[in-house]
Amino acid sequence: MTNAMNDEQFEDLKQFVANTVSQSETRVRDDLGTQLAAGFAGVGDAIETLGKHIDERTDPQDVRLDDHEQRLTHLEHKAA
């Protein structure tokens, strides 16, 4: 009995290793995709909430600026 592999056994071993590596790579890729999706899931909502807060804070200034513009226009008409 000999411990040396013949060509057929060697090819079988290469195919087994290739399949094992391929399956592991696919599993890692899928797991990474799932983790990334979970990690970024709330980012869109956070940005939307931030935008709403900015709008809430700037709306009063917009109203004041519009009011100043109307007052200036009114004064310009009086002066003309």
N, C-alpha and C. Protein backbone atom coordinates (compact mmCIF):
# COMPACT_ATOMS: atom_id res chain seq x y z
N MET A 1 0.84 -1.17 0.00
CA MET A 1 0.00 0.00 0.00
C MET A 1 0.89 1.24 0.00
N THR A 2 0.57 2.15 -0.88
CA THR A 2 1.40 3.34 -1.01
C THR A 2 0.61 4.58 -0.61
N ASN A 3 1.31 5.57 -0.06
CA ASN A 3 0.67 6.81 0.37
C ASN A 3 0.64 7.87 -0.72
N ALA A 4 1.26 7.61 -1.83
CA ALA A 4 1.30 8.58 -2.92
C ALA A 4 -0.06 8.68 -3.60
N MET A 5 -0.42 9.89 -4.00
CA MET A 5 -1.70 10.11 -4.69
C MET A 5 -1.50 9.90 -6.18
N ASN A 6 -2.50 9.31 -6.78
CA ASN A 6 -2.45 9.25 -8.23
C ASN A 6 -3.09 10.53 -8.81
N ASP A 7 -3.04 10.71 -10.10
CA ASP A 7 -3.54 11.94 -10.75
C ASP A 7 -5.03 12.16 -10.48
N GLU A 8 -5.79 11.09 -10.49
CA GLU A 8 -7.24 11.22 -10.29
C GLU A 8 -7.54 11.71 -8.87
N GLN A 9 -6.86 11.17 -7.89
CA GLN A 9 -7.05 11.60 -6.51
C GLN A 9 -6.61 13.05 -6.32
N PHE A 10 -5.50 13.41 -6.98
CA PHE A 10 -5.00 14.77 -6.87
C PHE A 10 -6.01 15.76 -7.48
N GLU A 11 -6.59 15.43 -8.62
CA GLU A 11 -7.60 16.28 -9.25
C GLU A 11 -8.85 16.38 -8.37
N ASP A 12 -9.24 15.27 -7.76
CA ASP A 12 -10.38 15.28 -6.84
C ASP A 12 -10.11 16.21 -5.66
N LEU A 13 -8.91 16.16 -5.12
CA LEU A 13 -8.53 17.01 -3.99
C LEU A 13 -8.54 18.48 -4.41
N LYS A 14 -7.99 18.79 -5.60
CA LYS A 14 -8.00 20.17 -6.09
C LYS A 14 -9.43 20.68 -6.26
N GLN A 15 -10.30 19.85 -6.80
CA GLN A 15 -11.70 20.25 -6.99
C GLN A 15 -12.38 20.46 -5.64
N PHE A 16 -12.11 19.59 -4.68
CA PHE A 16 -12.68 19.73 -3.34
C PHE A 16 -12.24 21.05 -2.70
N VAL A 17 -10.95 21.36 -2.78
CA VAL A 17 -10.42 22.59 -2.20
C VAL A 17 -11.03 23.81 -2.90
N ALA A 18 -11.11 23.78 -4.22
CA ALA A 18 -11.68 24.89 -4.98
C ALA A 18 -13.14 25.13 -4.60
N ASN A 19 -13.90 24.06 -4.48
CA ASN A 19 -15.32 24.19 -4.12
C ASN A 19 -15.48 24.71 -2.69
N THR A 20 -14.65 24.23 -1.79
CA THR A 20 -14.71 24.68 -0.40
C THR A 20 -14.39 26.16 -0.30
N VAL A 21 -13.34 26.59 -0.99
CA VAL A 21 -12.96 28.00 -0.97
C VAL A 21 -14.07 28.85 -1.59
N SER A 22 -14.62 28.40 -2.69
CA SER A 22 -15.69 29.14 -3.37
C SER A 22 -16.91 29.30 -2.46
N GLN A 23 -17.31 28.25 -1.80
CA GLN A 23 -18.45 28.31 -0.88
C GLN A 23 -18.17 29.26 0.28
N SER A 24 -16.97 29.18 0.80
CA SER A 24 -16.60 30.07 1.92
C SER A 24 -16.60 31.52 1.47
N GLU A 25 -16.08 31.78 0.30
CA GLU A 25 -16.04 33.14 -0.24
C GLU A 25 -17.46 33.68 -0.44
N THR A 26 -18.34 32.86 -0.97
CA THR A 26 -19.73 33.28 -1.16
C THR A 26 -20.39 33.58 0.17
N ARG A 27 -20.16 32.75 1.15
CA ARG A 27 -20.75 32.95 2.48
C ARG A 27 -20.23 34.24 3.12
N VAL A 28 -18.93 34.48 3.00
CA VAL A 28 -18.35 35.71 3.56
C VAL A 28 -18.92 36.93 2.84
N ARG A 29 -19.02 36.88 1.53
CA ARG A 29 -19.55 37.99 0.75
C ARG A 29 -21.00 38.28 1.14
N ASP A 30 -21.80 37.23 1.29
CA ASP A 30 -23.19 37.42 1.69
C ASP A 30 -23.30 38.00 3.10
N ASP A 31 -22.49 37.49 4.02
CA ASP A 31 -22.51 37.99 5.39
C ASP A 31 -22.08 39.45 5.44
N LEU A 32 -21.07 39.80 4.68
CA LEU A 32 -20.59 41.18 4.65
C LEU A 32 -21.66 42.10 4.08
N GLY A 33 -22.32 41.68 3.02
CA GLY A 33 -23.40 42.48 2.43
C GLY A 33 -24.52 42.70 3.43
N THR A 34 -24.88 41.67 4.17
CA THR A 34 -25.94 41.78 5.17
C THR A 34 -25.53 42.75 6.27
N GLN A 35 -24.29 42.63 6.73
CA GLN A 35 -23.81 43.52 7.80
C GLN A 35 -23.74 44.96 7.34
N LEU A 36 -23.29 45.19 6.12
CA LEU A 36 -23.24 46.56 5.60
C LEU A 36 -24.63 47.15 5.46
N ALA A 37 -25.56 46.36 4.95
CA ALA A 37 -26.94 46.84 4.80
C ALA A 37 -27.53 47.20 6.16
N ALA A 38 -27.27 46.38 7.16
CA ALA A 38 -27.79 46.66 8.50
C ALA A 38 -27.12 47.89 9.09
N GLY A 39 -25.84 48.07 8.81
CA GLY A 39 -25.11 49.21 9.36
C GLY A 39 -25.55 50.53 8.78
N PHE A 40 -25.95 50.55 7.52
CA PHE A 40 -26.36 51.78 6.86
C PHE A 40 -27.86 51.95 6.80
N ALA A 41 -28.61 51.07 7.42
CA ALA A 41 -30.07 51.10 7.32
C ALA A 41 -30.66 52.41 7.81
N GLY A 42 -30.15 52.98 8.88
CA GLY A 42 -30.74 54.18 9.45
C GLY A 42 -30.15 55.48 8.95
N VAL A 43 -29.18 55.41 8.05
CA VAL A 43 -28.51 56.64 7.60
C VAL A 43 -29.47 57.54 6.84
N GLY A 44 -30.26 56.99 5.95
CA GLY A 44 -31.21 57.79 5.18
C GLY A 44 -32.21 58.50 6.08
N ASP A 45 -32.73 57.77 7.05
CA ASP A 45 -33.68 58.38 7.99
C ASP A 45 -33.03 59.49 8.80
N ALA A 46 -31.80 59.28 9.21
CA ALA A 46 -31.09 60.30 10.00
C ALA A 46 -30.87 61.56 9.18
N ILE A 47 -30.52 61.41 7.91
CA ILE A 47 -30.30 62.57 7.04
C ILE A 47 -31.62 63.30 6.82
N GLU A 48 -32.70 62.56 6.62
CA GLU A 48 -34.01 63.19 6.43
C GLU A 48 -34.42 63.96 7.68
N THR A 49 -34.22 63.39 8.85
CA THR A 49 -34.54 64.06 10.12
C THR A 49 -33.70 65.32 10.28
N LEU A 50 -32.43 65.24 9.95
CA LEU A 50 -31.55 66.40 10.04
C LEU A 50 -32.04 67.51 9.11
N GLY A 51 -32.43 67.15 7.91
CA GLY A 51 -32.96 68.14 6.97
C GLY A 51 -34.21 68.83 7.51
N LYS A 52 -35.09 68.07 8.14
CA LYS A 52 -36.30 68.65 8.73
C LYS A 52 -35.95 69.62 9.84
N HIS A 53 -34.98 69.26 10.68
CA HIS A 53 -34.57 70.14 11.77
C HIS A 53 -33.97 71.43 11.23
N ILE A 54 -33.20 71.32 10.17
CA ILE A 54 -32.61 72.52 9.56
C ILE A 54 -33.71 73.41 9.01
N ASP A 55 -34.67 72.82 8.32
CA ASP A 55 -35.80 73.60 7.79
C ASP A 55 -36.57 74.29 8.90
N GLU A 56 -36.81 73.56 9.99
CA GLU A 56 -37.54 74.15 11.12
C GLU A 56 -36.81 75.35 11.70
N ARG A 57 -35.50 75.27 11.72
CA ARG A 57 -34.72 76.37 12.31
C ARG A 57 -34.55 77.54 11.35
N THR A 58 -34.55 77.28 10.06
CA THR A 58 -34.33 78.37 9.11
C THR A 58 -35.62 79.01 8.62
N ASP A 59 -36.75 78.35 8.76
CA ASP A 59 -38.02 78.92 8.30
C ASP A 59 -38.32 80.28 8.94
N PRO A 60 -38.14 80.46 10.25
CA PRO A 60 -38.41 81.78 10.83
C PRO A 60 -37.51 82.88 10.24
N GLN A 61 -36.26 82.55 9.93
CA GLN A 61 -35.37 83.53 9.33
C GLN A 61 -35.83 83.88 7.91
N ASP A 62 -36.32 82.89 7.20
CA ASP A 62 -36.83 83.14 5.85
C ASP A 62 -38.02 84.09 5.91
N VAL A 63 -38.90 83.89 6.88
CA VAL A 63 -40.07 84.76 7.04
C VAL A 63 -39.61 86.18 7.35
N ARG A 64 -38.65 86.31 8.24
CA ARG A 64 -38.14 87.64 8.61
C ARG A 64 -37.50 88.33 7.42
N LEU A 65 -36.72 87.59 6.64
CA LEU A 65 -36.09 88.18 5.46
C LEU A 65 -37.13 88.63 4.44
N ASP A 66 -38.17 87.82 4.24
CA ASP A 66 -39.25 88.20 3.33
C ASP A 66 -39.93 89.47 3.83
N ASP A 67 -40.14 89.56 5.14
CA ASP A 67 -40.79 90.73 5.72
C ASP A 67 -39.90 91.96 5.52
N HIS A 68 -38.61 91.85 5.72
CA HIS A 68 -37.69 92.97 5.51
C HIS A 68 -37.70 93.41 4.05
N GLU A 69 -37.75 92.44 3.15
CA GLU A 69 -37.78 92.76 1.72
C GLU A 69 -39.05 93.52 1.37
N GLN A 70 -40.17 93.11 1.93
CA GLN A 70 -41.44 93.81 1.68
C GLN A 70 -41.39 95.23 2.25
N ARG A 71 -40.81 95.37 3.42
CA ARG A 71 -40.73 96.70 4.04
C ARG A 71 -39.82 97.62 3.22
N LEU A 72 -38.70 97.10 2.73
CA LEU A 72 -37.82 97.91 1.91
C LEU A 72 -38.50 98.33 0.61
N THR A 73 -39.21 97.38 0.00
CA THR A 73 -39.94 97.71 -1.23
C THR A 73 -40.97 98.79 -0.95
N HIS A 74 -41.66 98.70 0.16
CA HIS A 74 -42.67 99.69 0.55
C HIS A 74 -42.01 101.06 0.76
N LEU A 75 -40.86 101.07 1.43
CA LEU A 75 -40.15 102.33 1.64
C LEU A 75 -39.65 102.93 0.32
N GLU A 76 -39.19 102.08 -0.58
CA GLU A 76 -38.72 102.56 -1.88
C GLU A 76 -39.86 103.22 -2.64
N HIS A 77 -41.06 102.62 -2.56
CA HIS A 77 -42.21 103.19 -3.26
C HIS A 77 -42.61 104.52 -2.64
N LYS A 78 -42.50 104.63 -1.33
CA LYS A 78 -42.82 105.90 -0.65
C LYS A 78 -41.83 106.97 -1.05
N ALA A 79 -40.57 106.60 -1.17
CA ALA A 79 -39.52 107.59 -1.48
C ALA A 79 -39.59 108.03 -2.94
N ALA A 80 -40.14 107.23 -3.80
CA ALA A 80 -40.17 107.57 -5.23
C ALA A 80 -41.22 108.55 -5.59
